[in-house]
Protein backbone atom coordinates (compact mmCIF):
# COMPACT_ATOMS: atom_id res chain seq x y z
CA MET A 1 12.98 78.70 -21.03
CA SER A 2 10.33 80.12 -18.66
CA ARG A 3 6.60 80.40 -19.40
CA HIS A 4 7.03 84.15 -19.92
CA ASP A 5 9.62 83.93 -22.70
CA THR A 6 7.63 84.48 -25.88
CA GLY A 7 10.10 84.77 -28.76
CA GLN A 8 11.42 81.31 -29.66
CA ARG A 9 8.81 79.51 -27.55
CA VAL A 10 5.89 80.85 -29.59
CA VAL A 11 7.55 79.83 -32.86
CA ALA A 12 8.31 76.34 -31.52
CA GLU A 13 4.80 75.82 -30.16
CA ALA A 14 3.17 77.35 -33.24
CA THR A 15 5.00 74.78 -35.31
CA GLY A 16 3.65 72.13 -32.93
CA LEU A 17 0.05 73.24 -33.50
CA HIS A 18 0.57 73.42 -37.25
CA LEU A 19 2.17 69.98 -37.23
CA ALA A 20 -0.51 68.55 -34.96
CA THR A 21 -3.26 69.86 -37.22
CA ALA A 22 -1.49 68.72 -40.39
CA LEU A 23 -1.13 65.18 -39.08
CA TYR A 24 -4.88 64.65 -39.36
CA THR A 25 -5.05 62.97 -42.75
CA GLY A 26 -7.26 60.53 -44.58
CA LYS A 27 -10.87 59.58 -44.08
CA SER A 28 -10.44 58.35 -40.53
CA LYS A 29 -9.32 61.82 -39.41
CA LYS A 30 -7.36 60.21 -36.60
CA PRO A 31 -3.81 61.32 -35.87
CA ARG A 32 -0.88 59.12 -36.73
CA GLU A 33 0.25 57.19 -33.69
CA GLY A 34 2.35 59.35 -31.39
CA ALA A 35 1.72 62.53 -33.42
CA LEU A 36 -0.24 64.36 -30.73
CA ARG A 37 0.04 64.02 -27.01
CA GLN A 38 -3.22 62.79 -25.57
CA ARG A 39 -4.10 64.67 -22.40
CA SER A 40 -3.73 62.28 -19.51
CA SER A 41 -1.51 62.49 -16.46
CA ARG A 42 0.79 65.04 -18.12
CA ARG A 43 1.25 68.41 -16.51
CA LYS A 44 -1.26 71.11 -17.34
CA LEU A 45 -0.71 73.33 -20.36
CA TRP A 46 -0.33 77.08 -19.72
CA VAL A 47 -2.53 79.27 -21.93
CA GLY A 48 -3.43 82.94 -22.16
CA TRP A 49 -6.88 84.52 -22.12
CA ARG A 50 -7.04 84.02 -25.91
CA GLU A 51 -5.52 81.19 -27.93
CA TRP A 52 -5.44 79.75 -31.42
CA VAL A 53 -7.01 76.28 -31.40
CA SER A 54 -7.84 73.62 -33.96
CA LEU A 55 -10.90 71.38 -34.38
CA PRO A 56 -9.48 68.83 -36.85
CA GLU A 57 -12.47 66.47 -37.09
CA LEU A 58 -14.59 69.45 -38.14
CA GLY A 59 -11.98 70.55 -40.69
CA ILE A 60 -11.18 73.77 -38.81
CA GLN A 61 -7.41 74.24 -38.88
CA SER A 62 -7.37 77.33 -36.72
CA VAL A 63 -9.85 79.52 -34.92
CA LYS A 64 -9.21 82.19 -32.31
CA ALA A 65 -10.82 81.20 -29.02
CA LYS A 66 -11.48 83.22 -25.90
CA VAL A 67 -10.43 81.20 -22.87
CA ASP A 68 -13.22 82.12 -20.46
CA THR A 69 -13.02 80.86 -16.88
CA GLY A 70 -16.35 82.60 -16.21
CA ALA A 71 -18.20 80.43 -18.74
CA LEU A 72 -19.18 76.87 -17.89
CA THR A 73 -19.84 75.64 -21.44
CA SER A 74 -17.88 76.12 -24.65
CA ALA A 75 -19.46 77.59 -27.77
CA LEU A 76 -18.58 77.55 -31.46
CA HIS A 77 -19.87 80.06 -34.00
CA ALA A 78 -22.22 78.16 -36.32
CA VAL A 79 -24.74 79.22 -38.95
CA HIS A 80 -27.15 77.32 -41.21
CA ILE A 81 -27.57 74.69 -38.48
CA HIS A 82 -29.55 71.71 -39.81
CA ARG A 83 -30.41 68.75 -37.62
CA TYR A 84 -31.18 65.42 -39.32
CA ARG A 85 -31.24 61.67 -38.72
CA GLU A 86 -28.91 59.28 -40.56
CA GLY A 87 -28.86 55.57 -39.87
CA GLY A 88 -30.94 56.11 -36.73
CA VAL A 89 -28.38 58.59 -35.33
CA GLU A 90 -29.07 62.29 -34.73
CA GLN A 91 -26.63 64.38 -36.80
CA VAL A 92 -26.11 68.10 -37.35
CA ALA A 93 -24.76 69.95 -40.37
CA PHE A 94 -23.59 73.53 -39.98
CA ASP A 95 -21.28 76.16 -41.42
CA VAL A 96 -18.48 77.92 -39.57
CA HIS A 97 -16.86 81.20 -40.58
CA PRO A 98 -13.61 80.69 -38.61
CA VAL A 99 -12.23 84.18 -39.29
CA GLN A 100 -13.94 87.07 -37.54
CA ARG A 101 -15.52 89.59 -39.96
CA ASP A 102 -14.99 87.25 -42.97
CA ALA A 103 -18.20 85.53 -44.08
CA HIS A 104 -16.57 84.37 -47.33
CA GLN A 105 -14.32 81.79 -45.68
CA THR A 106 -16.66 78.94 -44.77
CA VAL A 107 -16.06 75.47 -43.39
CA HIS A 108 -18.95 73.01 -43.87
CA CYS A 109 -19.14 70.71 -40.84
CA ARG A 110 -21.05 67.60 -39.80
CA ALA A 111 -21.14 65.99 -36.37
CA LYS A 112 -23.16 63.62 -34.23
CA VAL A 113 -25.60 65.37 -31.87
CA LEU A 114 -24.59 64.65 -28.28
CA ASP A 115 -27.30 66.60 -26.49
CA GLU A 116 -29.46 69.71 -26.54
CA ARG A 117 -29.15 72.13 -23.60
CA LEU A 118 -30.58 75.39 -22.36
CA VAL A 119 -27.62 77.78 -22.06
CA SER A 120 -27.61 81.21 -20.40
CA SER A 121 -25.36 83.86 -21.96
CA SER A 122 -23.40 86.46 -19.98
CA THR A 123 -26.24 88.91 -20.69
CA GLY A 124 -28.83 86.54 -19.18
CA HIS A 125 -30.33 85.52 -22.54
CA ARG A 126 -31.33 81.83 -22.51
CA GLU A 127 -31.06 79.74 -25.66
CA GLN A 128 -31.63 76.08 -26.51
CA ARG A 129 -28.43 74.83 -28.20
CA ILE A 130 -27.26 71.66 -29.90
CA VAL A 131 -24.20 70.08 -28.25
CA ILE A 132 -21.51 68.13 -30.13
CA ARG A 133 -18.35 66.37 -28.98
CA THR A 134 -15.13 66.79 -30.99
CA PRO A 135 -11.36 66.68 -30.44
CA LEU A 136 -9.71 70.01 -29.60
CA VAL A 137 -6.03 70.77 -30.27
CA VAL A 138 -4.28 73.43 -28.18
CA GLY A 139 -0.52 73.61 -28.69
CA ASP A 140 0.53 70.00 -29.13
CA GLN A 141 -2.20 68.64 -26.86
CA LEU A 142 -5.40 66.87 -27.92
CA TRP A 143 -8.53 66.01 -25.93
CA PRO A 144 -12.28 65.74 -26.59
CA VAL A 145 -14.55 68.68 -25.70
CA GLU A 146 -18.24 69.41 -25.79
CA LEU A 147 -19.23 72.47 -27.84
CA THR A 148 -22.59 74.20 -28.12
CA LEU A 149 -23.47 75.59 -31.55
CA THR A 150 -24.68 79.19 -31.73
CA ASN A 151 -24.40 82.27 -33.90
CA ARG A 152 -21.52 84.33 -32.45
CA ALA A 153 -21.35 86.80 -35.37
CA THR A 154 -21.64 89.80 -33.05
CA MET A 155 -19.14 88.45 -30.53
CA GLY A 156 -15.41 89.20 -30.49
CA PHE A 157 -14.37 85.55 -30.82
CA ARG A 158 -15.69 82.72 -32.99
CA MET A 159 -15.17 80.26 -30.15
CA LEU A 160 -15.50 80.40 -26.40
CA LEU A 161 -13.56 77.82 -24.38
CA GLY A 162 -15.37 77.29 -21.05
CA ARG A 163 -14.41 75.62 -17.77
CA ARG A 164 -15.78 72.18 -18.67
CA ALA A 165 -13.47 71.99 -21.70
CA MET A 166 -10.48 73.32 -19.75
CA GLY A 167 -11.03 70.85 -16.94
CA ARG A 168 -7.79 69.34 -15.77
CA HIS A 169 -6.01 70.26 -19.00
CA LEU A 170 -5.22 73.97 -18.79
CA VAL A 171 -3.91 76.69 -16.49
CA VAL A 172 -4.89 80.20 -17.57
CA ASN A 173 -2.67 83.27 -17.28
CA PRO A 174 -5.21 86.12 -17.74
CA ALA A 175 -2.42 88.64 -18.43
CA ALA A 176 -1.05 86.70 -21.43
CA SER A 177 -2.18 85.76 -24.94
CA TYR A 178 -1.28 82.94 -27.29
CA LEU A 179 1.03 81.04 -24.91
CA ALA A 180 0.27 77.77 -26.74
CA GLY A 181 1.45 79.28 -30.01
CA VAL A 182 0.03 80.73 -33.19
CA PRO A 183 -0.75 78.36 -36.07
CA LEU A 184 1.35 78.78 -39.18
CA ALA A 185 -0.20 79.22 -42.64
CA GLU A 186 -0.22 76.22 -44.97
CA PRO A 187 2.74 76.22 -47.38
């Protein structure tokens, strides 16, 4: 089946994302051995300009991301951002509303602070942002990415996937959407 066939391929890959996300169980939040394909020397994954992705360690089963080759860094919509120190380690607690225009669905997240960076938006606005590192699932592939936390309530997508996160993992077809599949609802 070619990359442009969307019927059965989307269903098959959507099942892969759903399965990959569902395999994160228990307190360790690590996948069962062999469940997800770690990105390594495998061929690059084809994606469209927008994709459904998962951030399993943050408890986010699916969020619509804009795949933006014009952006260097990746950003995740976050509100109520609270930085704190636990056991000598900088941590951050924040809330994510993974569904656009739905403030009622909230995922409470915690992560280790990796860095703090000055980021310029596409409009030229500069903002100091907290940076975290977390595994990203696209299709049946898994790799760690750095995400900046910012309020994206007025933006069209709750997540922006930039060039650093795409790296050697993805090839983007700007004329297509959801090539990696659409996540299925929980039974």
